[in-house]
C-alpha cells in the first residue's frame, strides 16, 4: 500500500486491517474484474442507515416525510461527489486507459460510487460502528437544521457562510503547485483567511483542491472554537 493510500486512510480516520478491501473499493470495472460494484451495493445500504440514524437523532421533531426528503438529498450523487472531492479520491481511482482518456477521474457518478464502495469496505473490515463513525465524520460540516435547505453544502460554501456569520472577509484561494502529466495532474491549493492562517488541499482538478483546502480550513476553525 503506497503513501497515497495511507494518506487516504488518515483522511478517512480508518486504517484497514484488510488493505485489499480499500484497493477494490477504488477499482473501476474498466481496470479489473475485481472491481468495486459489489462493495458499492453494500455501501449504499450502510450509508442510508447511517444517515437515517443521524437525522433521527438531530431532527427529533421532524415527520417521516421530511426526514425521507432530507435523506434523499444527503445521499444523492451530487452530495457524494462533493464528499469524494474532499477526500481527494480522484487521483487514487484505478481506471482503465479508455476511462481515463474520457475523463473518468472527474466523473461525478464514478466518484460517488467509489465513496459508497469505501463505506462498504469499511463495514466489511470493521463492522457497522466503524462505517457509521465515518459517515458522521463526512457529514459533520453539513447543516442539518430544519430551517436550512436540505441540500448538503459543499465545503467552500460552508466556509464562506461560517466566515460571513462572524463578519470576516471571504477566503482567498491560490494554486501553489501543479504536478503530474497533462492527463493526470494533481493540483495543490492554498486557502487563506484574513487572520493569515492557511490550509492546503490537493485534488485532480483545481475545484477539487479548493474544496479540500476549504474543508481543512473549516475543520481548523471549528476545532479552535471548541
C-alpha atoms as a PDB file:
ATOM      1  CA  UNK A   1       0.000   0.000   0.000  1.00  0.00           C
ATOM      2  CA  UNK A   2       1.640   3.227  -1.159  1.00  0.00           C
ATOM      3  CA  UNK A   3       1.870   6.543   0.654  1.00  0.00           C
ATOM      4  CA  UNK A   4      -1.190   7.970  -1.139  1.00  0.00           C
ATOM      5  CA  UNK A   5      -3.362   5.107   0.085  1.00  0.00           C
ATOM      6  CA  UNK A   6      -2.023   5.514   3.609  1.00  0.00           C
ATOM      7  CA  UNK A   7      -2.796   9.242   3.466  1.00  0.00           C
ATOM      8  CA  UNK A   8      -6.352   8.449   2.348  1.00  0.00           C
ATOM      9  CA  UNK A   9      -6.809   6.232   5.377  1.00  0.00           C
ATOM     10  CA  UNK A  10      -5.688   9.142   7.568  1.00  0.00           C
ATOM     11  CA  UNK A  11      -8.343  11.342   5.945  1.00  0.00           C
ATOM     12  CA  UNK A  12     -10.947   8.624   6.445  1.00  0.00           C
ATOM     13  CA  UNK A  13      -9.950   8.121  10.054  1.00  0.00           C
ATOM     14  CA  UNK A  14      -9.862   4.358   9.469  1.00  0.00           C
ATOM     15  CA  UNK A  15      -6.845   2.091   8.993  1.00  0.00           C
ATOM     16  CA  UNK A  16      -7.855  -1.047   7.116  1.00  0.00           C
ATOM     17  CA  UNK A  17      -6.962  -4.417   8.572  1.00  0.00           C
ATOM     18  CA  UNK A  18      -7.543  -5.855   5.088  1.00  0.00           C
ATOM     19  CA  UNK A  19      -5.938  -3.380   2.706  1.00  0.00           C
ATOM     20  CA  UNK A  20      -7.301  -5.282  -0.290  1.00  0.00           C
ATOM     21  CA  UNK A  21     -10.791  -4.018   0.541  1.00  0.00           C
ATOM     22  CA  UNK A  22      -9.719  -0.399   0.083  1.00  0.00           C
ATOM     23  CA  UNK A  23      -7.900  -1.251  -3.128  1.00  0.00           C
ATOM     24  CA  UNK A  24     -11.023  -2.936  -4.504  1.00  0.00           C
ATOM     25  CA  UNK A  25     -13.201  -0.006  -3.437  1.00  0.00           C
ATOM     26  CA  UNK A  26     -11.125   2.272  -5.668  1.00  0.00           C
ATOM     27  CA  UNK A  27     -11.078  -0.103  -8.654  1.00  0.00           C
ATOM     28  CA  UNK A  28     -13.426   0.603 -11.575  1.00  0.00           C
ATOM     29  CA  UNK A  29     -14.694  -2.223 -13.779  1.00  0.00           C
ATOM     30  CA  UNK A  30     -12.685  -0.774 -16.685  1.00  0.00           C
ATOM     31  CA  UNK A  31      -9.494  -1.618 -14.780  1.00  0.00           C
ATOM     32  CA  UNK A  32     -10.172  -5.097 -13.401  1.00  0.00           C
ATOM     33  CA  UNK A  33     -12.794  -7.800 -12.988  1.00  0.00           C
ATOM     34  CA  UNK A  34     -12.214  -7.421  -9.249  1.00  0.00           C
ATOM     35  CA  UNK A  35     -13.956  -4.037  -9.093  1.00  0.00           C
ATOM     36  CA  UNK A  36     -15.980  -2.007  -6.596  1.00  0.00           C
ATOM     37  CA  UNK A  37     -19.571  -2.601  -7.691  1.00  0.00           C
ATOM     38  CA  UNK A  38     -20.488  -5.200  -5.070  1.00  0.00           C
ATOM     39  CA  UNK A  39     -18.934  -3.015  -2.356  1.00  0.00           C
ATOM     40  CA  UNK A  40     -20.899  -0.060  -3.729  1.00  0.00           C
ATOM     41  CA  UNK A  41     -24.129  -2.061  -3.409  1.00  0.00           C
ATOM     42  CA  UNK A  42     -23.313  -2.778   0.232  1.00  0.00           C
ATOM     43  CA  UNK A  43     -22.120   0.755   0.962  1.00  0.00           C
ATOM     44  CA  UNK A  44     -25.329   2.260  -0.388  1.00  0.00           C
ATOM     45  CA  UNK A  45     -27.324   0.473   2.325  1.00  0.00           C
ATOM     46  CA  UNK A  46     -24.766   1.285   5.029  1.00  0.00           C
ATOM     47  CA  UNK A  47     -24.897   4.969   4.070  1.00  0.00           C
ATOM     48  CA  UNK A  48     -28.695   5.063   4.079  1.00  0.00           C
ATOM     49  CA  UNK A  49     -28.898   3.505   7.548  1.00  0.00           C
ATOM     50  CA  UNK A  50     -26.150   5.726   8.986  1.00  0.00           C
ATOM     51  CA  UNK A  51     -27.691   8.926   7.596  1.00  0.00           C
ATOM     52  CA  UNK A  52     -31.128   7.827   8.785  1.00  0.00           C
ATOM     53  CA  UNK A  53     -29.803   7.374  12.310  1.00  0.00           C
ATOM     54  CA  UNK A  54     -28.084  10.756  12.199  1.00  0.00           C
ATOM     55  CA  UNK A  55     -31.262  12.526  11.079  1.00  0.00           C
ATOM     56  CA  UNK A  56     -33.391  10.670  13.626  1.00  0.00           C
ATOM     57  CA  UNK A  57     -31.128  11.992  16.387  1.00  0.00           C
ATOM     58  CA  UNK A  58     -30.608  15.533  15.116  1.00  0.00           C
ATOM     59  CA  UNK A  59     -34.135  16.276  13.832  1.00  0.00           C
ATOM     60  CA  UNK A  60     -36.240  14.723  16.544  1.00  0.00           C
ATOM     61  CA  UNK A  61     -39.340  16.823  15.771  1.00  0.00           C
ATOM     62  CA  UNK A  62     -39.436  16.297  12.009  1.00  0.00           C
ATOM     63  CA  UNK A  63     -42.068  13.981  10.487  1.00  0.00           C
ATOM     64  CA  UNK A  64     -41.137  10.926   8.490  1.00  0.00           C
ATOM     65  CA  UNK A  65     -41.827  12.552   5.124  1.00  0.00           C
ATOM     66  CA  UNK A  66     -39.422  15.423   5.802  1.00  0.00           C
ATOM     67  CA  UNK A  67     -36.746  13.052   7.062  1.00  0.00           C
ATOM     68  CA  UNK A  68     -37.049  10.977   3.900  1.00  0.00           C
ATOM     69  CA  UNK A  69     -36.655  14.026   1.661  1.00  0.00           C
ATOM     70  CA  UNK A  70     -33.654  15.288   3.607  1.00  0.00           C
ATOM     71  CA  UNK A  71     -32.022  11.864   3.484  1.00  0.00           C
ATOM     72  CA  UNK A  72     -32.565  11.672  -0.275  1.00  0.00           C
ATOM     73  CA  UNK A  73     -30.625  14.914  -0.711  1.00  0.00           C
ATOM     74  CA  UNK A  74     -27.844  13.820   1.596  1.00  0.00           C
ATOM     75  CA  UNK A  75     -27.195  10.541  -0.218  1.00  0.00           C
ATOM     76  CA  UNK A  76     -27.658  11.679  -3.806  1.00  0.00           C
ATOM     77  CA  UNK A  77     -24.851  11.746  -6.357  1.00  0.00           C
ATOM     78  CA  UNK A  78     -24.084  15.474  -6.130  1.00  0.00           C
ATOM     79  CA  UNK A  79     -23.597  15.332  -2.377  1.00  0.00           C
ATOM     80  CA  UNK A  80     -21.451  12.198  -2.532  1.00  0.00           C
ATOM     81  CA  UNK A  81     -19.381  13.698  -5.340  1.00  0.00           C
ATOM     82  CA  UNK A  82     -18.622  16.703  -3.133  1.00  0.00           C
ATOM     83  CA  UNK A  83     -17.585  14.459  -0.248  1.00  0.00           C
ATOM     84  CA  UNK A  84     -15.395  12.398  -2.590  1.00  0.00           C
ATOM     85  CA  UNK A  85     -13.674  15.625  -3.659  1.00  0.00           C
ATOM     86  CA  UNK A  86     -12.991  16.487  -0.027  1.00  0.00           C
ATOM     87  CA  UNK A  87     -11.411  13.057   0.454  1.00  0.00           C
ATOM     88  CA  UNK A  88      -9.360  13.564  -2.734  1.00  0.00           C
ATOM     89  CA  UNK A  89     -10.390  10.226  -4.199  1.00  0.00           C
ATOM     90  CA  UNK A  90      -9.893  11.141  -7.851  1.00  0.00           C
ATOM     91  CA  UNK A  91      -6.117  10.547  -8.154  1.00  0.00           C
ATOM     92  CA  UNK A  92      -6.448   7.197  -6.363  1.00  0.00           C
ATOM     93  CA  UNK A  93      -9.087   5.679  -8.637  1.00  0.00           C
ATOM     94  CA  UNK A  94      -7.901   2.645 -10.596  1.00  0.00           C
ATOM     95  CA  UNK A  95      -9.337   3.126 -14.075  1.00  0.00           C
ATOM     96  CA  UNK A  96      -8.732   1.629 -17.492  1.00  0.00           C
ATOM     97  CA  UNK A  97      -6.877   3.781 -20.027  1.00  0.00           C
ATOM     98  CA  UNK A  98     -10.031   4.394 -22.053  1.00  0.00           C
ATOM     99  CA  UNK A  99     -11.921   5.554 -18.979  1.00  0.00           C
ATOM    100  CA  UNK A 100      -9.068   7.879 -18.028  1.00  0.00           C
ATOM    101  CA  UNK A 101      -8.993   9.436 -21.504  1.00  0.00           C
ATOM    102  CA  UNK A 102     -12.743  10.032 -21.399  1.00  0.00           C
ATOM    103  CA  UNK A 103     -12.499  11.970 -18.130  1.00  0.00           C
ATOM    104  CA  UNK A 104     -13.457   9.203 -15.734  1.00  0.00           C
ATOM    105  CA  UNK A 105     -11.431  10.644 -12.877  1.00  0.00           C
ATOM    106  CA  UNK A 106     -13.707  13.676 -12.772  1.00  0.00           C
ATOM    107  CA  UNK A 107     -16.985  11.876 -13.495  1.00  0.00           C
ATOM    108  CA  UNK A 108     -19.377  12.514 -10.572  1.00  0.00           C
ATOM    109  CA  UNK A 109     -21.035   9.107 -10.877  1.00  0.00           C
ATOM    110  CA  UNK A 110     -17.725   7.242 -10.567  1.00  0.00           C
ATOM    111  CA  UNK A 111     -16.562   9.308  -7.608  1.00  0.00           C
ATOM    112  CA  UNK A 112     -19.905   8.919  -5.825  1.00  0.00           C
ATOM    113  CA  UNK A 113     -19.890   5.167  -6.441  1.00  0.00           C
ATOM    114  CA  UNK A 114     -16.324   4.856  -5.145  1.00  0.00           C
ATOM    115  CA  UNK A 115     -17.270   6.650  -1.935  1.00  0.00           C
ATOM    116  CA  UNK A 116     -20.157   4.238  -1.368  1.00  0.00           C
ATOM    117  CA  UNK A 117     -17.772   1.359  -2.090  1.00  0.00           C
ATOM    118  CA  UNK A 118     -15.382   2.666   0.567  1.00  0.00           C
ATOM    119  CA  UNK A 119     -18.224   2.684   3.088  1.00  0.00           C
ATOM    120  CA  UNK A 120     -18.994  -0.900   2.151  1.00  0.00           C
ATOM    121  CA  UNK A 121     -15.321  -1.776   2.535  1.00  0.00           C
ATOM    122  CA  UNK A 122     -15.128  -0.182   5.986  1.00  0.00           C
ATOM    123  CA  UNK A 123     -18.243  -2.117   7.016  1.00  0.00           C
ATOM    124  CA  UNK A 124     -16.674  -5.420   5.958  1.00  0.00           C
ATOM    125  CA  UNK A 125     -13.335  -4.501   7.514  1.00  0.00           C
ATOM    126  CA  UNK A 126     -14.526  -3.352  10.925  1.00  0.00           C
ATOM    127  CA  UNK A 127     -18.330  -3.530  11.188  1.00  0.00           C
ATOM    128  CA  UNK A 128     -21.189  -1.043  11.188  1.00  0.00           C
ATOM    129  CA  UNK A 129     -19.922   1.064  14.093  1.00  0.00           C
ATOM    130  CA  UNK A 130     -16.776   1.981  12.162  1.00  0.00           C
ATOM    131  CA  UNK A 131     -18.740   2.735   8.979  1.00  0.00           C
ATOM    132  CA  UNK A 132     -21.283   4.773  10.923  1.00  0.00           C
ATOM    133  CA  UNK A 133     -18.497   6.805  12.555  1.00  0.00           C
ATOM    134  CA  UNK A 134     -17.038   7.531   9.123  1.00  0.00           C
ATOM    135  CA  UNK A 135     -20.400   8.760   7.825  1.00  0.00           C
ATOM    136  CA  UNK A 136     -20.727  11.087  10.814  1.00  0.00           C
ATOM    137  CA  UNK A 137     -17.259  12.495  10.172  1.00  0.00           C
ATOM    138  CA  UNK A 138     -18.039  13.040   6.495  1.00  0.00           C
ATOM    139  CA  UNK A 139     -21.274  14.900   7.261  1.00  0.00           C
ATOM    140  CA  UNK A 140     -20.060  16.903  10.255  1.00  0.00           C
ATOM    141  CA  UNK A 141     -19.884  20.178   8.261  1.00  0.00           C
ATOM    142  CA  UNK A 142     -23.334  19.750   6.699  1.00  0.00           C
ATOM    143  CA  UNK A 143     -26.072  21.912   8.239  1.00  0.00           C
ATOM    144  CA  UNK A 144     -28.973  19.606   9.133  1.00  0.00           C
ATOM    145  CA  UNK A 145     -31.187  22.141  10.898  1.00  0.00           C
ATOM    146  CA  UNK A 146     -34.839  22.120   9.693  1.00  0.00           C
ATOM    147  CA  UNK A 147     -34.734  25.790   8.693  1.00  0.00           C
ATOM    148  CA  UNK A 148     -31.907  25.229   6.240  1.00  0.00           C
ATOM    149  CA  UNK A 149     -32.081  23.937   2.704  1.00  0.00           C
ATOM    150  CA  UNK A 150     -31.849  20.192   2.814  1.00  0.00           C
ATOM    151  CA  UNK A 151     -29.100  20.328   0.218  1.00  0.00           C
ATOM    152  CA  UNK A 152     -25.765  19.373   1.764  1.00  0.00           C
ATOM    153  CA  UNK A 153     -23.414  22.344   1.459  1.00  0.00           C
ATOM    154  CA  UNK A 154     -20.061  21.852  -0.195  1.00  0.00           C
ATOM    155  CA  UNK A 155     -17.028  22.879   1.916  1.00  0.00           C
ATOM    156  CA  UNK A 156     -16.384  26.160   0.062  1.00  0.00           C
ATOM    157  CA  UNK A 157     -19.974  27.288   0.631  1.00  0.00           C
ATOM    158  CA  UNK A 158     -19.926  26.142   4.249  1.00  0.00           C
ATOM    159  CA  UNK A 159     -16.656  28.002   4.893  1.00  0.00           C
ATOM    160  CA  UNK A 160     -17.943  31.159   3.248  1.00  0.00           C
ATOM    161  CA  UNK A 161     -21.086  31.126   5.377  1.00  0.00           C
ATOM    162  CA  UNK A 162     -19.094  30.403   8.545  1.00  0.00           C
ATOM    163  CA  UNK A 163     -16.867  33.430   7.914  1.00  0.00           C
ATOM    164  CA  UNK A 164     -19.708  35.728   6.862  1.00  0.00           C
ATOM    165  CA  UNK A 165     -21.622  34.814  10.004  1.00  0.00           C
ATOM    166  CA  UNK A 166     -18.690  36.178  12.003  1.00  0.00           C
ATOM    167  CA  UNK A 167     -18.244  39.277   9.820  1.00  0.00           C
ATOM    168  CA  UNK A 168     -14.945  38.038   8.435  1.00  0.00           C
ATOM    169  CA  UNK A 169     -13.690  38.512   4.891  1.00  0.00           C
ATOM    170  CA  UNK A 170     -14.116  35.754   2.340  1.00  0.00           C
ATOM    171  CA  UNK A 171     -11.191  33.337   1.964  1.00  0.00           C
ATOM    172  CA  UNK A 172      -8.636  33.617  -0.815  1.00  0.00           C
ATOM    173  CA  UNK A 173      -7.548  30.602  -2.855  1.00  0.00           C
ATOM    174  CA  UNK A 174      -4.385  30.211  -4.890  1.00  0.00           C
ATOM    175  CA  UNK A 175      -2.758  27.337  -6.735  1.00  0.00           C
ATOM    176  CA  UNK A 176       0.522  26.525  -5.006  1.00  0.00           C
ATOM    177  CA  UNK A 177       1.650  23.699  -7.282  1.00  0.00           C
ATOM    178  CA  UNK A 178       0.609  21.537 -10.214  1.00  0.00           C
ATOM    179  CA  UNK A 179       2.270  18.175 -10.697  1.00  0.00           C
ATOM    180  CA  UNK A 180       1.913  15.175 -12.991  1.00  0.00           C
ATOM    181  CA  UNK A 181       1.332  14.686 -16.680  1.00  0.00           C
ATOM    182  CA  UNK A 182      -1.274  16.745 -18.513  1.00  0.00           C
ATOM    183  CA  UNK A 183      -3.883  13.977 -18.466  1.00  0.00           C
ATOM    184  CA  UNK A 184      -3.255  13.118 -14.821  1.00  0.00           C
ATOM    185  CA  UNK A 185      -2.443  16.307 -12.962  1.00  0.00           C
ATOM    186  CA  UNK A 186      -2.668  16.967  -9.260  1.00  0.00           C
ATOM    187  CA  UNK A 187      -3.365  20.492  -8.047  1.00  0.00           C
ATOM    188  CA  UNK A 188      -2.342  21.841  -4.651  1.00  0.00           C
ATOM    189  CA  UNK A 189      -4.326  24.856  -3.481  1.00  0.00           C
ATOM    190  CA  UNK A 190      -3.821  27.158  -0.508  1.00  0.00           C
ATOM    191  CA  UNK A 191      -6.836  28.620   1.298  1.00  0.00           C
ATOM    192  CA  UNK A 192      -6.059  31.756   3.352  1.00  0.00           C
ATOM    193  CA  UNK A 193      -8.329  33.715   5.682  1.00  0.00           C
ATOM    194  CA  UNK A 194      -7.946  37.290   6.901  1.00  0.00           C
ATOM    195  CA  UNK A 195      -6.011  36.288  10.019  1.00  0.00           C
ATOM    196  CA  UNK A 196      -3.281  34.979   7.738  1.00  0.00           C
ATOM    197  CA  UNK A 197      -3.859  31.332   8.616  1.00  0.00           C
ATOM    198  CA  UNK A 198      -3.504  28.949   5.682  1.00  0.00           C
ATOM    199  CA  UNK A 199      -4.655  25.413   4.971  1.00  0.00           C
ATOM    200  CA  UNK A 200      -3.814  23.290   1.942  1.00  0.00           C
ATOM    201  CA  UNK A 201      -5.738  20.809  -0.146  1.00  0.00           C
ATOM    202  CA  UNK A 202      -4.973  18.753  -3.229  1.00  0.00           C
ATOM    203  CA  UNK A 203      -7.064  17.155  -5.937  1.00  0.00           C
ATOM    204  CA  UNK A 204      -7.205  16.078  -9.546  1.00  0.00           C
ATOM    205  CA  UNK A 205      -8.772  19.426 -10.511  1.00  0.00           C
ATOM    206  CA  UNK A 206      -8.482  22.958  -9.181  1.00  0.00           C
ATOM    207  CA  UNK A 207     -12.097  22.747  -7.996  1.00  0.00           C
ATOM    208  CA  UNK A 208     -11.430  19.553  -6.056  1.00  0.00           C
ATOM    209  CA  UNK A 209      -8.286  21.022  -4.494  1.00  0.00           C
ATOM    210  CA  UNK A 210     -10.138  24.194  -3.448  1.00  0.00           C
ATOM    211  CA  UNK A 211     -12.885  22.108  -1.839  1.00  0.00           C
ATOM    212  CA  UNK A 212     -10.282  20.067   0.035  1.00  0.00           C
ATOM    213  CA  UNK A 213      -8.491  23.215   1.252  1.00  0.00           C
ATOM    214  CA  UNK A 214     -11.810  24.759   2.344  1.00  0.00           C
ATOM    215  CA  UNK A 215     -12.717  21.595   4.246  1.00  0.00           C
ATOM    216  CA  UNK A 216      -9.354  21.663   6.040  1.00  0.00           C
ATOM    217  CA  UNK A 217      -9.837  25.335   6.934  1.00  0.00           C
ATOM    218  CA  UNK A 218     -13.360  24.751   8.232  1.00  0.00           C
ATOM    219  CA  UNK A 219     -12.149  21.856  10.368  1.00  0.00           C
ATOM    220  CA  UNK A 220      -9.360  24.071  11.768  1.00  0.00           C
ATOM    221  CA  UNK A 221     -11.760  26.918  12.609  1.00  0.00           C
ATOM    222  CA  UNK A 222     -14.297  24.654  14.260  1.00  0.00           C
ATOM    223  CA  UNK A 223     -11.619  22.895  16.307  1.00  0.00           C
ATOM    224  CA  UNK A 224     -10.359  26.244  17.638  1.00  0.00           C
ATOM    225  CA  UNK A 225     -13.903  27.277  18.517  1.00  0.00           C
ATOM    226  CA  UNK A 226     -14.401  24.128  20.545  1.00  0.00           C
END
